[in-house]
Amino acid sequence: MEALLKEVAAVVGAGNVLTGEDVKQRRVDWMSGTSCRAGAIVRPGSTDELADVMRLCHAAGQPVVTHGGLTGLVHGGEANPDELVVSLERMSAIESIDPVGGTMTVQAGSPLQAVQEAAEAHDLVFPLDLGARGSCTIGGNIATNAGGVRVIRYGMMRQQVLGLEAVLADGTIVSSMNRMLKNNAGYDLKQLFIGSEGTLGIVTRAVLRLQPRMASERTALVACPDFAGVTGLLRHMGRELGGSLGTFEVMWRNHYALLTEESGRNTPPLPVRWPYYVIIESLGNDDTVNAAQFGAALESALEAGLIEDAVLAQSDAQRQGIWNIREDIKGLIEQLAPLFTFDVSLPIPDMPGYAEELERAIGERWPHGRIVVFGHLGDGNLHVSVGVGDSGAETRRAVEQIVYGPLAALGGSVSAEHGIGLEKRDYLSISRTPEEVALMRTLKRALDPHGLLNRNKILVAEG
């Protein structure tokens, strides 16, 4: 690798090739804090530089792992000593904004929050939003097809990308920087890279779709008497609010109680009494109209028995206080450590039974074990956190089998929005047919015949 690194340094500059302690000081993900073990970290400053680096790596048969914001939870950024990390941290520019066309052209290393703020400066919004907004990058969001809290209104990351540019394993630059909403000229090549977790190519730039900024945002936390109330409320609010329903986030009582009364980390806006708590947000253009519509929808839901109690945020501070309970991942880690986290999707009607069975199975195997459930629900996504007092490999495997096992019969997915990486690779067959996996391998061989990009992520390397 030493000879290769000299050639790479000639492309990106010696200061942008990190080795030794400079590599070990880096982390490979947000949650575990594991040190990077790569042979070196290369930081290209442009698509052309990255293309030159990949040509050198391809000629040398050098495996490469891509790093973005490192907020992933499936070990997608792990690298072995014989692998080279390509970090896109220097490629973070917001290149242009077209307020008329409603597009923004950015480099892959741009943090999500920076993109959101740049859009807001033009009275527009980039609608993808998640708790890691300050650290995660657009390239990582694209590579994992990120979801977040407003999928019910705007869709996944896939729906926010009009065009992109990527570098293939051999250094070929595929530039499909489409800026139009409609373009049916042959295959939509960007879809090959969205959600591929860096295994088919390295995303370097993207054209993002922006939306009008809503002048009014209303937030409420409500308590539901049962899961029928939750699903009834989802239908009710969708009907009453129509296109203004922006968020429908559900917390099981075990999540709400743990992060409020039990831990003392957050003040509960509603008593810890009911089995389900829902964060609902409405987005509109006229605050008076939006407030009246939102209030009327909640009042009729209360009269219908869909909710037991509700609190409306009267300020940004109150709104943030509600969201802090939902997004207090640090609190989950502290309270349940060592923690196993899961991101699954399944049909909404099956959710209560699935969660109850998990709690029963975990308690039966580990009497002091605990599970906590919350999720986007409106888009079929649940986040499950499990603490059983041990984080060993054998224990992890046993917990994974309990969590993932029922999904096959339910037609669910082992990954709703976090990706597969290394962590879920062995369970891919639960959610994908043999024919689908075979086609994935065909694509991998076609675009990366030597298996150099993020090897063993999603699929075990062939040969």
Protein backbone atom coordinates (compact mmCIF):
# COMPACT_ATOMS: atom_id res chain seq x y z
CA MET A 1 0.00 0.00 0.00
CA GLU A 2 2.94 2.37 0.61
CA ALA A 3 3.76 2.74 -3.08
CA LEU A 4 0.10 3.35 -3.89
CA LEU A 5 -0.19 6.03 -1.22
CA LYS A 6 2.70 7.94 -2.76
CA GLU A 7 0.85 8.01 -6.06
CA VAL A 8 -2.38 9.02 -4.32
CA ALA A 9 -0.57 11.81 -2.45
CA ALA A 10 0.58 13.19 -5.77
CA VAL A 11 -3.10 13.55 -6.71
CA VAL A 12 -4.69 14.90 -3.50
CA GLY A 13 -1.66 16.39 -1.73
CA ALA A 14 0.41 14.80 1.02
CA GLY A 15 -1.60 16.56 3.73
CA ASN A 16 -4.73 14.81 2.55
CA VAL A 17 -3.39 11.30 3.04
CA LEU A 18 -3.70 10.36 6.71
CA THR A 19 -1.88 7.40 8.24
CA GLY A 20 -0.93 6.01 11.65
CA GLU A 21 -2.33 7.83 14.68
CA ASP A 22 -4.22 10.28 12.45
CA VAL A 23 -6.29 7.32 11.28
CA LYS A 24 -6.74 5.73 14.72
CA GLN A 25 -8.07 8.99 16.14
CA ARG A 26 -10.99 8.81 13.70
CA ARG A 27 -14.17 6.90 14.53
CA VAL A 28 -16.06 4.64 12.13
CA ASP A 29 -19.55 5.37 13.44
CA TRP A 30 -21.44 7.50 15.91
CA MET A 31 -22.70 4.95 18.39
CA SER A 32 -19.88 2.49 19.03
CA GLY A 33 -17.00 4.97 18.98
CA THR A 34 -14.79 2.29 17.43
CA SER A 35 -11.46 3.60 16.13
CA CYS A 36 -10.76 3.48 12.42
CA ARG A 37 -8.42 0.60 11.48
CA ALA A 38 -7.94 1.49 7.81
CA GLY A 39 -4.49 1.48 6.27
CA ALA A 40 -4.95 5.17 5.39
CA ILE A 41 -7.58 7.86 4.89
CA VAL A 42 -7.61 9.81 1.62
CA ARG A 43 -9.44 13.15 1.35
CA PRO A 44 -10.01 14.16 -2.28
CA GLY A 45 -11.07 17.73 -2.98
CA SER A 46 -13.04 17.18 -6.18
CA THR A 47 -14.72 14.59 -8.35
CA ASP A 48 -11.73 14.59 -10.70
CA GLU A 49 -9.32 13.93 -7.84
CA LEU A 50 -11.48 11.08 -6.59
CA ALA A 51 -11.64 9.62 -10.10
CA ASP A 52 -7.83 9.68 -10.33
CA VAL A 53 -7.57 8.04 -6.90
CA MET A 54 -10.00 5.29 -7.90
CA ARG A 55 -8.09 4.63 -11.14
CA LEU A 56 -4.97 4.06 -9.08
CA CYS A 57 -6.80 1.84 -6.60
CA HIS A 58 -8.41 -0.13 -9.40
CA ALA A 59 -5.07 -0.77 -11.05
CA ALA A 60 -3.58 -1.88 -7.72
CA GLY A 61 -6.60 -3.96 -6.69
CA GLN A 62 -6.97 -1.79 -3.60
CA PRO A 63 -10.29 -2.09 -1.66
CA VAL A 64 -11.92 1.20 -0.65
CA VAL A 65 -14.45 2.19 2.03
CA THR A 66 -16.28 5.52 1.76
CA HIS A 67 -16.78 7.82 4.76
CA GLY A 68 -19.35 10.60 5.03
CA GLY A 69 -20.71 11.94 8.32
CA LEU A 70 -20.29 8.56 10.07
CA THR A 71 -23.72 8.67 11.69
CA GLY A 72 -24.72 5.23 10.40
CA LEU A 73 -25.76 2.41 12.73
CA VAL A 74 -25.06 -0.73 10.67
CA HIS A 75 -21.22 -0.66 10.58
CA GLY A 76 -21.16 0.52 6.99
CA GLY A 77 -18.05 2.62 7.63
CA GLU A 78 -15.87 -0.10 9.10
CA ALA A 79 -12.56 -0.64 7.34
CA ASN A 80 -9.84 -3.26 7.78
CA PRO A 81 -6.09 -2.51 7.83
CA ASP A 82 -5.78 -3.64 4.21
CA GLU A 83 -8.49 -1.20 3.10
CA LEU A 84 -8.28 2.46 2.17
CA VAL A 85 -10.86 4.97 3.39
CA VAL A 86 -12.03 7.73 1.06
CA SER A 87 -13.47 10.60 3.10
CA LEU A 88 -15.54 13.22 1.30
CA GLU A 89 -15.16 15.81 4.07
CA ARG A 90 -13.39 18.29 1.77
CA MET A 91 -16.14 18.05 -0.85
CA SER A 92 -18.76 19.99 1.12
CA ALA A 93 -19.65 22.95 -1.10
CA ILE A 94 -23.17 24.06 -1.91
CA GLU A 95 -22.56 24.92 -5.53
CA SER A 96 -25.79 26.62 -6.60
CA ILE A 97 -29.44 27.20 -5.80
CA ASP A 98 -32.19 27.73 -8.38
CA PRO A 99 -35.14 29.29 -6.52
CA VAL A 100 -37.32 29.25 -9.65
CA GLY A 101 -36.69 25.63 -10.54
CA GLY A 102 -36.60 24.67 -6.89
CA THR A 103 -33.25 22.86 -7.02
CA MET A 104 -29.94 22.91 -5.19
CA THR A 105 -26.66 21.48 -6.47
CA VAL A 106 -24.36 20.26 -3.71
CA GLN A 107 -21.26 18.20 -3.16
CA ALA A 108 -21.68 14.91 -1.34
CA GLY A 109 -19.84 15.99 1.81
CA SER A 110 -22.32 18.79 2.53
CA PRO A 111 -23.91 18.35 5.98
CA LEU A 112 -27.69 18.00 5.91
CA GLN A 113 -28.19 20.94 8.25
CA ALA A 114 -26.12 23.23 6.04
CA VAL A 115 -28.30 22.25 3.09
CA GLN A 116 -31.46 22.91 5.10
CA GLU A 117 -30.20 26.35 6.15
CA ALA A 118 -29.14 27.28 2.61
CA ALA A 119 -32.61 26.40 1.34
CA GLU A 120 -34.29 28.44 4.08
CA ALA A 121 -32.23 31.49 3.09
CA HIS A 122 -34.15 31.39 -0.21
CA ASP A 123 -37.52 30.82 1.51
CA LEU A 124 -37.43 27.18 0.47
CA VAL A 125 -36.99 23.95 2.39
CA PHE A 126 -35.07 20.75 1.88
CA PRO A 127 -37.56 18.41 3.53
CA LEU A 128 -35.38 15.49 4.64
CA ASP A 129 -34.94 15.79 8.41
CA LEU A 130 -33.46 13.49 11.03
CA GLY A 131 -31.81 13.74 14.41
CA ALA A 132 -28.27 13.53 13.00
CA ARG A 133 -28.85 16.56 10.75
CA GLY A 134 -25.80 18.41 12.08
CA SER A 135 -23.37 15.59 11.25
CA CYS A 136 -24.80 13.41 8.49
CA THR A 137 -23.94 14.30 4.91
CA ILE A 138 -25.93 14.41 1.71
CA GLY A 139 -23.78 11.70 0.15
CA GLY A 140 -24.48 9.41 3.09
CA ASN A 141 -28.17 10.28 2.99
CA ILE A 142 -28.22 9.28 -0.67
CA ALA A 143 -26.13 6.15 -0.21
CA THR A 144 -28.48 4.87 2.51
CA ASN A 145 -31.72 6.32 1.10
CA ALA A 146 -32.34 8.04 4.43
CA GLY A 147 -35.86 8.51 5.74
CA GLY A 148 -36.42 10.65 8.81
CA VAL A 149 -39.46 12.24 10.40
CA ARG A 150 -41.24 13.71 7.36
CA VAL A 151 -41.41 10.73 5.04
CA ILE A 152 -45.19 10.69 5.43
CA ARG A 153 -45.32 14.12 3.76
CA TYR A 154 -42.33 14.24 1.39
CA GLY A 155 -41.05 10.68 0.97
CA MET A 156 -37.60 9.13 1.41
CA MET A 157 -34.30 10.61 0.22
CA ARG A 158 -34.92 8.93 -3.12
CA GLN A 159 -37.78 11.36 -3.74
CA GLN A 160 -35.55 14.38 -3.01
CA VAL A 161 -32.85 13.60 -5.62
CA LEU A 162 -33.26 14.77 -9.22
CA GLY A 163 -29.75 13.99 -10.40
CA LEU A 164 -26.38 12.88 -9.15
CA GLU A 165 -22.78 12.26 -10.06
CA ALA A 166 -20.82 9.20 -9.01
CA VAL A 167 -17.36 7.71 -9.47
CA LEU A 168 -17.22 4.01 -10.30
CA ALA A 169 -14.66 1.54 -9.00
CA ASP A 170 -12.44 1.98 -12.08
CA GLY A 171 -12.49 5.79 -11.86
CA THR A 172 -15.20 6.34 -14.47
CA ILE A 173 -17.25 9.45 -13.73
CA VAL A 174 -20.98 8.97 -14.31
CA SER A 175 -22.51 12.44 -14.33
CA SER A 176 -26.29 12.39 -14.42
CA MET A 177 -26.90 15.84 -12.96
CA ASN A 178 -30.48 16.16 -14.13
CA ARG A 179 -32.30 19.29 -12.87
CA MET A 180 -35.75 18.46 -14.26
CA LEU A 181 -38.64 16.76 -12.55
CA LYS A 182 -39.49 14.89 -15.73
CA ASN A 183 -36.82 13.03 -17.68
CA ASN A 184 -37.69 9.65 -19.17
CA ALA A 185 -34.71 9.43 -21.53
CA GLY A 186 -33.73 5.84 -20.89
CA TYR A 187 -32.72 4.27 -17.58
CA ASP A 188 -32.83 6.46 -14.48
CA LEU A 189 -29.21 5.77 -13.56
CA LYS A 190 -29.24 7.69 -10.30
CA GLN A 191 -31.43 4.98 -8.80
CA LEU A 192 -28.49 2.54 -9.07
CA PHE A 193 -26.60 4.51 -6.45
CA ILE A 194 -29.39 5.68 -4.12
CA GLY A 195 -29.53 3.17 -1.30
CA SER A 196 -26.55 1.15 -2.56
CA GLU A 197 -24.40 2.07 0.47
CA GLY A 198 -21.35 2.88 -1.61
CA THR A 199 -21.08 -0.64 -3.04
CA LEU A 200 -21.72 0.34 -6.68
CA GLY A 201 -20.12 3.77 -6.85
CA ILE A 202 -19.14 6.78 -4.75
CA VAL A 203 -21.65 9.65 -4.95
CA THR A 204 -19.81 12.96 -5.34
CA ARG A 205 -22.45 15.56 -6.26
CA ALA A 206 -26.22 15.78 -6.39
CA VAL A 207 -29.10 17.91 -7.60
CA LEU A 208 -31.66 18.11 -4.81
CA ARG A 209 -35.33 18.93 -5.07
CA LEU A 210 -36.50 21.80 -2.84
CA GLN A 211 -40.01 22.54 -1.59
CA PRO A 212 -41.84 25.76 -0.67
CA ARG A 213 -41.24 26.81 2.91
CA MET A 214 -44.41 26.62 4.98
CA ALA A 215 -45.18 29.73 7.04
CA SER A 216 -46.99 27.80 9.78
CA GLU A 217 -45.97 24.75 11.79
CA ARG A 218 -48.19 23.34 14.52
CA THR A 219 -47.06 20.61 16.90
CA ALA A 220 -49.01 18.52 19.41
CA LEU A 221 -48.30 15.58 21.68
CA VAL A 222 -51.30 13.35 22.25
CA ALA A 223 -51.97 10.20 24.28
CA CYS A 224 -53.94 7.29 22.82
CA PRO A 225 -55.88 4.67 24.82
CA ASP A 226 -54.90 1.75 22.58
CA PHE A 227 -53.38 0.92 19.22
CA ALA A 228 -56.78 1.12 17.53
CA GLY A 229 -56.80 4.71 18.70
CA VAL A 230 -53.37 5.27 17.13
CA THR A 231 -54.37 3.89 13.74
CA GLY A 232 -57.74 5.60 13.89
CA LEU A 233 -55.97 8.86 14.70
CA LEU A 234 -53.62 8.43 11.74
CA ARG A 235 -56.56 8.03 9.37
CA HIS A 236 -58.48 10.85 11.07
CA MET A 237 -55.63 13.37 10.91
CA GLY A 238 -54.81 12.40 7.34
CA ARG A 239 -58.41 13.03 6.36
CA GLU A 240 -58.88 16.23 8.37
CA LEU A 241 -55.51 17.80 7.57
CA GLY A 242 -55.04 16.43 4.07
CA GLY A 243 -51.72 17.46 2.59
CA SER A 244 -50.78 19.54 5.62
CA LEU A 245 -50.05 16.49 7.81
CA GLY A 246 -46.28 16.62 8.08
CA THR A 247 -45.36 14.24 10.90
CA PHE A 248 -46.93 11.33 12.76
CA GLU A 249 -44.42 9.88 15.25
CA VAL A 250 -45.44 7.28 17.84
CA MET A 251 -43.74 6.44 21.12
CA TRP A 252 -44.70 3.34 23.05
CA ARG A 253 -45.14 3.98 26.77
CA ASN A 254 -41.85 2.17 27.50
CA HIS A 255 -39.97 4.83 25.49
CA TYR A 256 -41.91 7.81 26.84
CA ALA A 257 -41.67 6.67 30.47
CA LEU A 258 -37.96 5.81 30.32
CA LEU A 259 -36.89 9.17 28.91
CA THR A 260 -39.14 11.27 31.18
CA GLU A 261 -40.12 10.10 34.66
CA GLU A 262 -37.80 7.12 35.00
CA SER A 263 -34.59 8.84 33.93
CA GLY A 264 -35.51 12.44 34.72
CA ARG A 265 -33.91 13.49 31.46
CA ASN A 266 -37.01 15.20 30.01
CA THR A 267 -40.13 16.74 31.50
CA PRO A 268 -43.27 14.81 30.44
CA PRO A 269 -45.79 17.22 28.85
CA LEU A 270 -48.49 14.58 29.48
CA PRO A 271 -48.78 12.12 32.40
CA VAL A 272 -47.03 8.76 32.00
CA ARG A 273 -50.30 6.87 32.01
CA TRP A 274 -51.29 5.72 28.56
CA PRO A 275 -49.83 3.01 26.27
CA TYR A 276 -49.08 5.24 23.25
CA TYR A 277 -47.98 8.83 22.68
CA VAL A 278 -48.03 10.52 19.27
CA ILE A 279 -46.24 13.62 17.98
CA ILE A 280 -48.32 15.21 15.23
CA GLU A 281 -47.26 18.17 13.12
CA SER A 282 -49.18 20.19 10.58
CA LEU A 283 -47.55 22.43 7.97
CA GLY A 284 -49.46 25.23 6.27
CA ASN A 285 -49.20 28.57 4.51
CA ASP A 286 -51.57 30.55 6.72
CA ASP A 287 -51.02 30.32 10.48
CA THR A 288 -54.57 31.32 11.38
CA VAL A 289 -56.11 28.77 9.05
CA ASN A 290 -53.59 26.07 9.99
CA ALA A 291 -54.10 26.63 13.73
CA ALA A 292 -57.87 26.46 13.41
CA GLN A 293 -57.77 23.34 11.24
CA PHE A 294 -55.25 21.62 13.52
CA GLY A 295 -57.19 22.45 16.66
CA ALA A 296 -60.48 21.30 15.16
CA ALA A 297 -58.93 18.00 14.03
CA LEU A 298 -57.58 17.31 17.51
CA GLU A 299 -60.86 18.27 19.16
CA SER A 300 -62.88 15.93 16.96
CA ALA A 301 -60.34 13.16 17.61
CA LEU A 302 -60.82 13.68 21.35
CA GLU A 303 -64.59 13.56 20.97
CA ALA A 304 -64.30 10.35 18.96
CA GLY A 305 -62.26 8.70 21.73
CA LEU A 306 -59.16 8.36 19.59
CA ILE A 307 -57.08 10.32 22.08
CA GLU A 308 -57.23 10.70 25.87
CA ASP A 309 -55.26 13.89 26.31
CA ALA A 310 -53.30 16.38 24.25
CA VAL A 311 -50.92 19.30 24.61
CA LEU A 312 -50.23 21.85 21.87
CA ALA A 313 -46.79 23.47 21.71
CA GLN A 314 -47.16 27.22 22.24
CA SER A 315 -43.53 28.09 21.53
CA ASP A 316 -40.41 26.78 19.84
CA ALA A 317 -39.09 25.80 23.27
CA GLN A 318 -42.18 23.70 23.99
CA ARG A 319 -42.00 22.11 20.57
CA GLN A 320 -38.34 21.24 21.12
CA GLY A 321 -39.19 19.82 24.54
CA ILE A 322 -41.62 17.40 22.91
CA TRP A 323 -39.13 16.39 20.23
CA ASN A 324 -36.34 15.95 22.78
CA ILE A 325 -38.22 12.97 24.22
CA ARG A 326 -38.46 11.38 20.79
CA GLU A 327 -34.87 12.13 19.76
CA ASP A 328 -33.02 11.49 23.03
CA ILE A 329 -30.90 8.67 21.64
CA LYS A 330 -28.12 9.55 24.09
CA GLY A 331 -30.60 8.91 26.89
CA LEU A 332 -31.48 5.50 25.46
CA ILE A 333 -27.82 4.58 25.31
CA GLU A 334 -27.22 5.65 28.91
CA GLN A 335 -30.31 3.95 30.30
CA LEU A 336 -30.12 0.66 28.39
CA ALA A 337 -26.36 0.24 27.89
CA PRO A 338 -25.10 -1.97 26.46
CA LEU A 339 -27.66 -1.25 23.78
CA PHE A 340 -28.74 -3.07 20.64
CA THR A 341 -30.67 -0.90 18.15
CA PHE A 342 -32.92 -2.07 15.34
CA ASP A 343 -34.68 -0.32 12.46
CA VAL A 344 -37.46 -2.42 10.94
CA SER A 345 -40.61 -1.96 8.89
CA LEU A 346 -43.77 -4.01 8.84
CA PRO A 347 -47.50 -3.60 8.14
CA ILE A 348 -49.01 -1.14 10.61
CA PRO A 349 -51.77 -3.51 11.86
CA ASP A 350 -49.11 -6.06 12.89
CA MET A 351 -47.07 -3.62 14.99
CA PRO A 352 -48.67 -4.06 18.43
CA GLY A 353 -48.54 -7.84 18.27
CA TYR A 354 -44.96 -7.75 17.02
CA ALA A 355 -43.86 -5.44 19.84
CA GLU A 356 -45.66 -7.51 22.48
CA GLU A 357 -44.05 -10.71 21.22
CA LEU A 358 -40.60 -9.09 21.30
CA GLU A 359 -41.12 -7.97 24.88
CA ARG A 360 -42.30 -11.43 25.88
CA ALA A 361 -39.42 -13.22 24.14
CA ILE A 362 -36.75 -10.87 25.52
CA GLY A 363 -38.17 -11.14 29.05
CA GLU A 364 -38.33 -14.91 28.84
CA ARG A 365 -34.68 -15.21 27.76
CA TRP A 366 -33.33 -12.35 29.90
CA PRO A 367 -35.61 -11.63 32.92
CA HIS A 368 -33.99 -8.24 33.47
CA GLY A 369 -33.97 -7.38 29.77
CA ARG A 370 -35.89 -4.44 28.40
CA ILE A 371 -37.15 -3.20 25.05
CA VAL A 372 -38.13 0.31 24.03
CA VAL A 373 -40.15 1.07 20.89
CA PHE A 374 -40.78 4.24 18.91
CA GLY A 375 -41.13 4.99 15.25
CA HIS A 376 -42.42 6.90 12.29
CA LEU A 377 -45.40 4.51 12.10
CA GLY A 378 -47.18 6.48 9.39
CA ASP A 379 -44.65 5.00 6.96
CA GLY A 380 -44.49 1.59 8.66
CA ASN A 381 -41.13 2.12 10.38
CA LEU A 382 -40.35 1.10 13.98
CA HIS A 383 -37.14 1.63 15.94
CA VAL A 384 -36.54 -1.01 18.59
CA SER A 385 -33.92 -0.64 21.33
CA VAL A 386 -32.99 -3.66 23.42
CA GLY A 387 -30.89 -3.86 26.58
CA VAL A 388 -30.19 -7.26 28.17
CA GLY A 389 -27.05 -6.45 30.19
CA ASP A 390 -24.60 -8.07 27.79
CA SER A 391 -23.20 -7.07 24.40
CA GLY A 392 -21.30 -10.22 23.45
CA ALA A 393 -21.47 -11.65 19.95
CA GLU A 394 -23.53 -14.66 21.03
CA THR A 395 -26.02 -12.46 22.86
CA ARG A 396 -26.29 -10.08 19.91
CA ARG A 397 -27.02 -12.99 17.58
CA ALA A 398 -29.75 -14.27 19.89
CA VAL A 399 -31.37 -10.83 20.16
CA GLU A 400 -31.20 -10.32 16.38
CA GLN A 401 -32.96 -13.61 15.75
CA ILE A 402 -35.76 -12.61 18.12
CA VAL A 403 -36.17 -9.19 16.45
CA TYR A 404 -35.76 -10.23 12.81
CA GLY A 405 -37.30 -13.71 12.88
CA PRO A 406 -41.00 -12.71 12.85
CA LEU A 407 -40.54 -10.24 9.97
CA ALA A 408 -40.45 -12.88 7.25
CA ALA A 409 -43.99 -14.09 7.97
CA LEU A 410 -45.23 -10.50 8.26
CA GLY A 411 -43.71 -9.36 4.96
CA GLY A 412 -41.53 -6.87 6.84
CA SER A 413 -38.02 -5.55 6.30
CA VAL A 414 -34.93 -5.84 8.47
CA SER A 415 -34.02 -2.32 7.39
CA ALA A 416 -36.52 0.48 7.00
CA GLU A 417 -34.05 3.35 6.58
CA HIS A 418 -30.62 2.60 8.08
CA GLY A 419 -29.34 0.25 5.40
CA ILE A 420 -27.73 -3.20 5.63
CA GLY A 421 -23.99 -2.64 6.07
CA LEU A 422 -22.26 -5.46 7.91
CA GLU A 423 -24.74 -5.71 10.77
CA LYS A 424 -27.78 -6.89 8.80
CA ARG A 425 -26.07 -8.66 5.92
CA ASP A 426 -26.78 -12.15 7.25
CA TYR A 427 -30.48 -11.33 7.49
CA LEU A 428 -30.96 -9.86 4.01
CA SER A 429 -32.73 -13.02 2.85
CA ILE A 430 -35.58 -12.31 5.28
CA SER A 431 -36.55 -9.28 3.22
CA ARG A 432 -35.27 -10.13 -0.27
CA THR A 433 -35.94 -13.16 -2.46
CA PRO A 434 -33.11 -15.29 -3.89
CA GLU A 435 -33.85 -13.78 -7.30
CA GLU A 436 -33.52 -10.25 -5.95
CA VAL A 437 -30.22 -11.06 -4.24
CA ALA A 438 -28.95 -12.67 -7.45
CA LEU A 439 -29.79 -9.51 -9.41
CA MET A 440 -27.98 -7.42 -6.79
CA ARG A 441 -24.90 -9.57 -7.34
CA THR A 442 -25.21 -9.11 -11.10
CA LEU A 443 -25.23 -5.33 -10.68
CA LYS A 444 -22.28 -5.50 -8.30
CA ARG A 445 -20.22 -7.58 -10.74
CA ALA A 446 -21.08 -5.26 -13.63
CA LEU A 447 -20.12 -2.01 -11.89
CA ASP A 448 -17.41 -3.29 -9.54
CA PRO A 449 -16.06 -6.54 -11.03
CA HIS A 450 -13.11 -6.72 -8.64
CA GLY A 451 -15.24 -6.07 -5.55
CA LEU A 452 -13.26 -3.04 -4.40
CA LEU A 453 -16.06 -0.77 -3.12
CA ASN A 454 -17.31 -1.32 0.43
CA ARG A 455 -16.59 -5.02 0.12
CA ASN A 456 -18.70 -7.37 2.22
CA LYS A 457 -21.25 -4.64 2.89
CA ILE A 458 -24.81 -5.71 1.95
CA LEU A 459 -23.45 -8.79 0.14
CA VAL A 460 -20.61 -11.15 1.07
CA ALA A 461 -17.78 -10.68 -1.43
CA GLU A 462 -17.59 -13.38 -4.08
CA GLY A 463 -14.46 -15.44 -4.47
